[in-house]
């Protein structure tokens, strides 16, 4: 059985015109073999923002069955339904607060167990904070004082993650510095509209919903940080 992880630097339905699903959303759905998949939106990082939830439902409900994993209200019922889900889609927002709340509810271990479960296929996807969370660490503005290194994460895939690599001026240089000073491990800077696709913990592909969006490998070595632009397929 297979675990797919799709980590988006930005983009998807929440950034598109009229909040319609994009080619990245369709790519995520294409990875499940379920005939009538259940897609669960996880808006924890946005404090279960109702408008964000509505936009997800409008974008996805005409294509698949949908559910929402809320933790501010109805948490017990939402968590109890997790075993039925084929695709989890984690939204953007405050990465630090999301990880803290997930830890309190035991969701981090739950997601790790899904990734390791050889008896089921699962797709774990997300944008920005929702893409970063699967890694060992990331850049974040969760503290409200510029871009910081967050050496937390579920560690389902190795290395670190930097969302909005091309769209926020401080992201790329700060990420490079964090790797150079070992505050974060080597990893990937991902532009808005681009995504990394892992299969069973290994890099499978880099994809994008628009031309010019890419994925960049930043790796620490004896000469500093080497930056490599990875081949990225426009969907």
Protein backbone atom coordinates (compact mmCIF):
# COMPACT_ATOMS: atom_id res chain seq x y z
CA UNK A 1 0.00 0.00 0.00
CA UNK A 2 1.12 3.57 -0.64
CA UNK A 3 1.45 6.85 1.23
CA UNK A 4 1.45 9.96 -0.95
CA UNK A 5 2.47 13.33 0.48
CA UNK A 6 1.96 16.51 -1.55
CA UNK A 7 3.48 19.63 0.03
CA UNK A 8 2.52 22.89 -1.68
CA UNK A 9 4.42 26.13 -1.16
CA UNK A 10 1.25 28.07 -1.94
CA UNK A 11 -1.58 27.95 -4.43
CA UNK A 12 -4.49 25.58 -4.82
CA UNK A 13 -8.13 26.53 -4.49
CA UNK A 14 -7.59 29.08 -1.72
CA UNK A 15 -5.45 31.27 -3.99
CA UNK A 16 -7.27 30.84 -7.30
CA UNK A 17 -9.74 33.13 -9.00
CA UNK A 18 -13.21 32.55 -7.51
CA UNK A 19 -11.54 29.93 -5.24
CA UNK A 20 -11.98 27.21 -7.82
CA UNK A 21 -9.92 24.01 -7.73
CA UNK A 22 -6.65 24.25 -9.65
CA UNK A 23 -4.51 21.67 -11.38
CA UNK A 24 -2.71 21.07 -8.07
CA UNK A 25 -6.03 20.21 -6.42
CA UNK A 26 -6.83 17.85 -9.29
CA UNK A 27 -3.36 16.31 -9.05
CA UNK A 28 -3.92 15.54 -5.38
CA UNK A 29 -7.25 13.86 -6.14
CA UNK A 30 -5.67 11.80 -8.92
CA UNK A 31 -3.42 10.04 -6.39
CA UNK A 32 -6.18 8.13 -4.61
CA UNK A 33 -7.50 4.87 -6.01
CA UNK A 34 -10.75 5.14 -4.06
CA UNK A 35 -13.79 5.06 -6.35
CA UNK A 36 -15.70 7.57 -4.23
CA UNK A 37 -12.99 9.23 -2.13
CA UNK A 38 -13.59 11.08 1.09
CA UNK A 39 -11.46 14.24 1.25
CA UNK A 40 -11.01 15.77 4.69
CA UNK A 41 -10.03 19.41 5.06
CA UNK A 42 -7.97 20.21 8.16
CA UNK A 43 -8.16 23.98 8.88
CA UNK A 44 -6.41 23.92 12.27
CA UNK A 45 -3.72 26.44 11.29
CA UNK A 46 -6.40 29.02 10.48
CA UNK A 47 -8.26 28.38 13.77
CA UNK A 48 -10.96 26.51 11.84
CA UNK A 49 -11.82 29.65 9.89
CA UNK A 50 -15.36 29.32 8.59
CA UNK A 51 -14.76 31.20 5.33
CA UNK A 52 -11.77 28.97 4.54
CA UNK A 53 -13.91 25.89 5.21
CA UNK A 54 -16.68 27.20 2.95
CA UNK A 55 -14.23 27.79 0.13
CA UNK A 56 -12.93 24.25 0.45
CA UNK A 57 -16.43 22.79 0.34
CA UNK A 58 -17.36 24.91 -2.68
CA UNK A 59 -14.19 23.85 -4.51
CA UNK A 60 -14.30 20.13 -3.74
CA UNK A 61 -17.85 19.01 -2.98
CA UNK A 62 -18.95 18.72 -6.61
CA UNK A 63 -16.09 16.30 -7.29
CA UNK A 64 -15.77 14.13 -4.15
CA UNK A 65 -17.25 13.49 -0.73
CA UNK A 66 -15.98 16.03 1.78
CA UNK A 67 -15.55 16.34 5.52
CA UNK A 68 -13.85 18.81 7.83
CA UNK A 69 -11.66 17.99 10.81
CA UNK A 70 -12.42 20.72 13.34
CA UNK A 71 -10.73 20.95 16.73
CA UNK A 72 -12.32 24.10 18.18
CA UNK A 73 -15.72 22.40 18.23
CA UNK A 74 -16.87 18.86 17.55
CA UNK A 75 -13.33 17.52 17.83
CA UNK A 76 -14.27 14.06 19.13
CA UNK A 77 -16.64 13.32 16.25
CA UNK A 78 -14.23 14.70 13.64
CA UNK A 79 -11.30 12.67 14.96
CA UNK A 80 -13.43 9.52 15.16
CA UNK A 81 -14.10 9.77 11.42
CA UNK A 82 -10.44 10.03 10.41
CA UNK A 83 -10.08 6.32 9.63
CA UNK A 84 -12.63 6.71 6.81
CA UNK A 85 -10.65 9.40 4.99
CA UNK A 86 -8.80 8.77 1.72
CA UNK A 87 -7.26 12.24 1.27
CA UNK A 88 -6.33 14.73 3.98
CA UNK A 89 -5.85 18.33 2.85
CA UNK A 90 -4.28 20.59 5.50
CA UNK A 91 -4.77 24.32 5.13
CA UNK A 92 -2.40 27.21 5.70
CA UNK A 93 -2.04 29.51 8.69
CA UNK A 94 -0.06 29.35 11.92
CA UNK A 95 2.20 26.28 11.86
CA UNK A 96 3.26 26.52 15.50
CA UNK A 97 -0.28 26.74 16.85
CA UNK A 98 -1.41 23.90 14.59
CA UNK A 99 1.34 21.59 15.84
CA UNK A 100 0.57 22.44 19.46
CA UNK A 101 -3.13 21.69 19.04
CA UNK A 102 -2.44 18.52 17.06
CA UNK A 103 -0.16 17.34 19.84
CA UNK A 104 -2.85 17.98 22.46
CA UNK A 105 -5.35 15.91 20.48
CA UNK A 106 -2.91 13.19 19.47
CA UNK A 107 -3.18 13.97 15.76
CA UNK A 108 0.56 14.00 15.09
CA UNK A 109 0.87 10.37 16.11
CA UNK A 110 -2.33 9.58 14.23
CA UNK A 111 -0.92 10.96 10.97
CA UNK A 112 2.40 9.15 11.53
CA UNK A 113 0.55 5.87 11.98
CA UNK A 114 -1.38 6.43 8.74
CA UNK A 115 1.88 7.03 6.88
CA UNK A 116 3.33 3.79 8.26
CA UNK A 117 0.21 1.66 7.81
CA UNK A 118 0.95 -0.97 5.18
CA UNK A 119 -2.72 -1.99 5.00
CA UNK A 120 -4.13 1.21 3.47
CA UNK A 121 -3.46 3.85 0.85
CA UNK A 122 -3.56 7.45 2.04
CA UNK A 123 -2.87 10.89 0.58
CA UNK A 124 -1.54 13.54 2.98
CA UNK A 125 -1.50 16.95 1.33
CA UNK A 126 -1.34 20.56 2.37
CA UNK A 127 -0.45 24.12 1.49
CA UNK A 128 2.02 26.42 3.26
CA UNK A 129 1.76 25.39 6.94
CA UNK A 130 -0.10 22.32 5.71
CA UNK A 131 2.81 21.42 3.44
CA UNK A 132 5.50 22.19 6.00
CA UNK A 133 4.04 20.07 8.78
CA UNK A 134 5.01 16.71 7.23
CA UNK A 135 8.73 17.64 7.38
CA UNK A 136 11.24 17.82 10.23
CA UNK A 137 11.25 21.62 10.30
CA UNK A 138 10.34 24.72 8.34
CA UNK A 139 10.46 28.47 8.05
CA UNK A 140 7.51 30.19 9.67
CA UNK A 141 6.07 33.56 10.61
CA UNK A 142 4.09 31.93 13.44
CA UNK A 143 5.83 33.96 16.13
CA UNK A 144 4.77 37.27 14.60
CA UNK A 145 8.29 38.71 14.46
CA UNK A 146 9.53 38.00 10.95
CA UNK A 147 10.64 34.67 9.54
CA UNK A 148 11.88 32.14 12.09
CA UNK A 149 13.18 28.59 12.01
CA UNK A 150 10.78 26.05 13.49
CA UNK A 151 12.65 22.84 14.24
CA UNK A 152 9.46 20.92 14.80
CA UNK A 153 7.28 18.92 12.48
CA UNK A 154 5.96 15.41 12.16
CA UNK A 155 9.08 14.18 10.38
CA UNK A 156 7.13 11.85 8.10
CA UNK A 157 9.46 13.01 5.32
CA UNK A 158 13.07 14.02 6.01
CA UNK A 159 14.51 17.50 5.85
CA UNK A 160 13.00 20.96 6.03
CA UNK A 161 10.50 22.98 4.01
CA UNK A 162 10.17 26.64 3.09
CA UNK A 163 6.80 27.74 1.62
CA UNK A 164 6.28 30.98 -0.33
CA UNK A 165 9.91 30.77 -1.44
CA UNK A 166 9.41 33.16 -4.37
CA UNK A 167 6.67 35.44 -3.08
CA UNK A 168 7.95 36.73 0.28
CA UNK A 169 11.22 38.63 0.05
CA UNK A 170 12.69 37.38 3.33
CA UNK A 171 11.89 33.69 2.86
CA UNK A 172 14.69 32.59 0.52
CA UNK A 173 17.62 34.39 2.22
CA UNK A 174 16.41 33.46 5.70
CA UNK A 175 15.94 29.83 4.73
CA UNK A 176 19.47 29.70 3.33
CA UNK A 177 20.82 31.19 6.55
CA UNK A 178 18.90 28.73 8.73
CA UNK A 179 20.40 25.81 6.82
CA UNK A 180 23.88 27.34 6.78
CA UNK A 181 23.79 27.75 10.57
CA UNK A 182 22.22 24.29 11.13
CA UNK A 183 19.05 25.73 12.61
CA UNK A 184 17.23 23.66 9.99
CA UNK A 185 18.34 20.59 8.06
CA UNK A 186 18.78 20.64 4.29
CA UNK A 187 15.49 20.76 2.46
CA UNK A 188 13.31 22.38 -0.16
CA UNK A 189 12.21 25.93 -0.96
CA UNK A 190 8.87 25.73 -2.74
CA UNK A 191 7.36 28.57 -4.75
CA UNK A 192 3.70 29.53 -4.64
CA UNK A 193 1.90 27.31 -7.11
CA UNK A 194 4.47 24.51 -6.88
CA UNK A 195 4.55 21.30 -4.86
CA UNK A 196 6.71 18.36 -3.89
CA UNK A 197 5.21 14.89 -4.26
CA UNK A 198 6.65 12.13 -2.07
CA UNK A 199 5.77 8.45 -2.31
CA UNK A 200 6.47 6.40 0.81
CA UNK A 201 8.82 9.08 2.09
CA UNK A 202 10.87 9.50 -1.10
CA UNK A 203 10.78 12.36 -3.58
CA UNK A 204 8.69 11.29 -6.57
CA UNK A 205 8.09 14.50 -8.53
CA UNK A 206 7.96 18.27 -8.46
CA UNK A 207 4.85 19.77 -10.05
CA UNK A 208 3.35 23.21 -10.56
CA UNK A 209 0.04 24.77 -11.49
CA UNK A 210 1.68 27.66 -13.38
CA UNK A 211 4.75 28.24 -15.49
CA UNK A 212 7.67 29.69 -13.58
CA UNK A 213 6.79 28.12 -10.23
CA UNK A 214 9.48 25.73 -9.05
CA UNK A 215 11.09 23.69 -6.30
CA UNK A 216 14.62 24.41 -5.08
CA UNK A 217 16.88 22.03 -3.17
CA UNK A 218 19.03 23.69 -0.49
CA UNK A 219 21.75 21.44 0.89
CA UNK A 220 24.46 22.19 3.42
CA UNK A 221 27.99 21.09 2.53
CA UNK A 222 31.56 22.06 3.34
CA UNK A 223 31.30 25.10 1.04
CA UNK A 224 28.09 26.46 2.57
CA UNK A 225 24.64 25.95 1.11
CA UNK A 226 24.26 24.63 -2.43
CA UNK A 227 21.03 25.62 -4.18
CA UNK A 228 19.73 23.46 -7.04
CA UNK A 229 16.62 24.21 -9.08
CA UNK A 230 14.79 20.92 -9.53
CA UNK A 231 12.95 19.86 -12.66
CA UNK A 232 9.33 20.88 -12.12
CA UNK A 233 6.52 19.73 -14.38
CA UNK A 234 3.72 22.18 -15.15
CA UNK A 235 0.42 20.36 -14.87
